[in-house]
Amino acid sequence: VDYARTATNPLVGQTYVFRAWNDVNGNGIWDAGEAQVVPASIQWKLDGTNSTANGTSAAATLSNYSIAGATTDTYTIPVNSLSSSGATPGDQGFNLKVDFN
């Protein structure tokens, strides 16, 4: 999934991997011969409004919230109680984004 172009709602237990490359032909697919770009820094973020947890909590809105410690090319969505987002339903329902340089 191209996180720069597509909103991705994270799922608990799923591991997401970020890759950047020089997309020579502009097709959005990493093709043979296209060089990987190694970012100097990566920060996974949550954005948007999530849903309530079983109707018992209020929806939360985050704006490009930097996930604490999520600074490598992979991020595994934690169980709700371990999320740093502060939302009762955890990271689920937000859009998952990556900021890199």
C-alpha atoms as a PDB file:
ATOM      1  CA  VAL A   1       0.000   0.000   0.000  1.00  0.00           C
ATOM      2  CA  ASP A   2       1.280   3.465  -0.829  1.00  0.00           C
ATOM      3  CA  TYR A   3       0.728   5.277   2.479  1.00  0.00           C
ATOM      4  CA  ALA A   4       1.379   8.627   0.792  1.00  0.00           C
ATOM      5  CA  ARG A   5      -1.547   8.126  -1.586  1.00  0.00           C
ATOM      6  CA  THR A   6      -3.927   5.774   0.224  1.00  0.00           C
ATOM      7  CA  ALA A   7      -5.497   6.003   3.667  1.00  0.00           C
ATOM      8  CA  THR A   8      -4.884   2.796   5.607  1.00  0.00           C
ATOM      9  CA  ASN A   9      -6.889   1.885   8.702  1.00  0.00           C
ATOM     10  CA  PRO A  10      -4.549  -0.152  10.902  1.00  0.00           C
ATOM     11  CA  LEU A  11      -5.537  -3.542  12.308  1.00  0.00           C
ATOM     12  CA  VAL A  12      -4.350  -4.845  15.695  1.00  0.00           C
ATOM     13  CA  GLY A  13      -1.517  -7.335  15.341  1.00  0.00           C
ATOM     14  CA  GLN A  14      -0.728  -6.418  11.725  1.00  0.00           C
ATOM     15  CA  THR A  15       2.800  -5.320  10.863  1.00  0.00           C
ATOM     16  CA  TYR A  16       3.160  -2.573   8.274  1.00  0.00           C
ATOM     17  CA  VAL A  17       6.377  -2.028   6.302  1.00  0.00           C
ATOM     18  CA  PHE A  18       7.476   1.261   4.758  1.00  0.00           C
ATOM     19  CA  ARG A  19       9.564   1.273   1.576  1.00  0.00           C
ATOM     20  CA  ALA A  20      10.570   4.225  -0.579  1.00  0.00           C
ATOM     21  CA  TRP A  21      12.108   3.953  -4.025  1.00  0.00           C
ATOM     22  CA  ASN A  22      12.863   5.995  -7.118  1.00  0.00           C
ATOM     23  CA  ASP A  23       9.707   5.202  -9.146  1.00  0.00           C
ATOM     24  CA  VAL A  24      11.277   5.799 -12.565  1.00  0.00           C
ATOM     25  CA  ASN A  25       8.140   4.950 -14.561  1.00  0.00           C
ATOM     26  CA  GLY A  26       5.696   6.541 -12.084  1.00  0.00           C
ATOM     27  CA  ASN A  27       3.451   3.460 -11.776  1.00  0.00           C
ATOM     28  CA  GLY A  28       3.483   3.327  -7.956  1.00  0.00           C
ATOM     29  CA  ILE A  29       4.957  -0.203  -7.997  1.00  0.00           C
ATOM     30  CA  TRP A  30       8.515  -1.094  -7.027  1.00  0.00           C
ATOM     31  CA  ASP A  31       9.803  -2.642 -10.246  1.00  0.00           C
ATOM     32  CA  ALA A  32      13.067  -4.484 -10.866  1.00  0.00           C
ATOM     33  CA  GLY A  33      15.886  -2.013 -11.407  1.00  0.00           C
ATOM     34  CA  GLU A  34      14.282   0.820  -9.418  1.00  0.00           C
ATOM     35  CA  ALA A  35      16.579   1.887  -6.588  1.00  0.00           C
ATOM     36  CA  GLN A  36      15.367   1.855  -2.997  1.00  0.00           C
ATOM     37  CA  VAL A  37      15.664   5.189  -1.200  1.00  0.00           C
ATOM     38  CA  VAL A  38      16.835   4.882   2.386  1.00  0.00           C
ATOM     39  CA  PRO A  39      15.298   7.716   4.420  1.00  0.00           C
ATOM     40  CA  ALA A  40      17.372   9.528   7.033  1.00  0.00           C
ATOM     41  CA  SER A  41      14.352   9.477   9.354  1.00  0.00           C
ATOM     42  CA  ILE A  42      10.948   7.774   9.524  1.00  0.00           C
ATOM     43  CA  GLN A  43       7.990   8.614  11.770  1.00  0.00           C
ATOM     44  CA  TRP A  44       4.727   6.634  11.725  1.00  0.00           C
ATOM     45  CA  LYS A  45       1.637   8.759  12.429  1.00  0.00           C
ATOM     46  CA  LEU A  46      -2.086   8.450  13.109  1.00  0.00           C
ATOM     47  CA  ASP A  47      -4.540  10.884  11.565  1.00  0.00           C
ATOM     48  CA  GLY A  48      -8.284  11.417  11.372  1.00  0.00           C
ATOM     49  CA  THR A  49     -11.173  10.294  13.555  1.00  0.00           C
ATOM     50  CA  ASN A  50     -11.527   6.735  14.859  1.00  0.00           C
ATOM     51  CA  SER A  51     -14.680   4.888  15.790  1.00  0.00           C
ATOM     52  CA  THR A  52     -15.963   4.165  19.269  1.00  0.00           C
ATOM     53  CA  ALA A  53     -15.106   0.966  21.129  1.00  0.00           C
ATOM     54  CA  ASN A  54     -18.277  -1.109  21.330  1.00  0.00           C
ATOM     55  CA  GLY A  55     -20.262   2.116  21.608  1.00  0.00           C
ATOM     56  CA  THR A  56     -18.845   2.756  25.075  1.00  0.00           C
ATOM     57  CA  SER A  57     -16.289   5.438  24.297  1.00  0.00           C
ATOM     58  CA  ALA A  58     -16.231   8.717  22.445  1.00  0.00           C
ATOM     59  CA  ALA A  59     -14.580   8.920  19.040  1.00  0.00           C
ATOM     60  CA  ALA A  60     -11.189  10.648  19.100  1.00  0.00           C
ATOM     61  CA  THR A  61      -9.649  12.925  16.476  1.00  0.00           C
ATOM     62  CA  LEU A  62      -5.899  13.099  15.911  1.00  0.00           C
ATOM     63  CA  SER A  63      -4.015  15.360  13.503  1.00  0.00           C
ATOM     64  CA  ASN A  64      -0.752  13.792  12.306  1.00  0.00           C
ATOM     65  CA  TYR A  65      -0.121  12.303  15.756  1.00  0.00           C
ATOM     66  CA  SER A  66       3.435  10.941  15.954  1.00  0.00           C
ATOM     67  CA  ILE A  67       3.387   7.423  17.404  1.00  0.00           C
ATOM     68  CA  ALA A  68       5.935   7.263  20.226  1.00  0.00           C
ATOM     69  CA  GLY A  69       8.918   5.081  19.310  1.00  0.00           C
ATOM     70  CA  ALA A  70       7.611   4.266  15.807  1.00  0.00           C
ATOM     71  CA  THR A  71      10.707   5.399  13.924  1.00  0.00           C
ATOM     72  CA  THR A  72      11.826   2.331  11.965  1.00  0.00           C
ATOM     73  CA  ASP A  73      10.639   0.950   8.629  1.00  0.00           C
ATOM     74  CA  THR A  74       8.177  -1.444  10.333  1.00  0.00           C
ATOM     75  CA  TYR A  75       5.339  -0.828  12.779  1.00  0.00           C
ATOM     76  CA  THR A  76       3.123  -3.437  14.437  1.00  0.00           C
ATOM     77  CA  ILE A  77      -0.254  -2.191  15.658  1.00  0.00           C
ATOM     78  CA  PRO A  78      -0.431  -2.861  19.418  1.00  0.00           C
ATOM     79  CA  VAL A  79      -3.424  -4.188  21.305  1.00  0.00           C
ATOM     80  CA  ASN A  80      -5.691  -1.298  22.259  1.00  0.00           C
ATOM     81  CA  SER A  81      -4.511  -0.989  25.865  1.00  0.00           C
ATOM     82  CA  LEU A  82      -0.880  -0.561  24.731  1.00  0.00           C
ATOM     83  CA  SER A  83      -1.576   2.198  22.196  1.00  0.00           C
ATOM     84  CA  SER A  84       0.011   5.583  22.873  1.00  0.00           C
ATOM     85  CA  SER A  85      -2.827   7.391  21.029  1.00  0.00           C
ATOM     86  CA  GLY A  86      -4.904   7.899  24.170  1.00  0.00           C
ATOM     87  CA  ALA A  87      -8.014   6.594  22.383  1.00  0.00           C
ATOM     88  CA  THR A  88      -9.921   3.731  24.056  1.00  0.00           C
ATOM     89  CA  PRO A  89     -10.131   1.791  20.747  1.00  0.00           C
ATOM     90  CA  GLY A  90      -6.361   2.191  20.303  1.00  0.00           C
ATOM     91  CA  ASP A  91      -4.910   2.838  16.859  1.00  0.00           C
ATOM     92  CA  GLN A  92      -7.800   1.237  14.977  1.00  0.00           C
ATOM     93  CA  GLY A  93      -9.972   3.502  12.856  1.00  0.00           C
ATOM     94  CA  PHE A  94      -7.363   6.220  12.364  1.00  0.00           C
ATOM     95  CA  ASN A  95      -5.456   6.619   9.103  1.00  0.00           C
ATOM     96  CA  LEU A  96      -1.898   5.303   9.267  1.00  0.00           C
ATOM     97  CA  LYS A  97       0.718   7.579   7.699  1.00  0.00           C
ATOM     98  CA  VAL A  98       4.480   7.781   7.365  1.00  0.00           C
ATOM     99  CA  ASP A  99       6.556  10.960   7.401  1.00  0.00           C
ATOM    100  CA  PHE A 100      10.099  10.552   6.116  1.00  0.00           C
ATOM    101  CA  ASN A 101      13.124  12.583   5.053  1.00  0.00           C
END
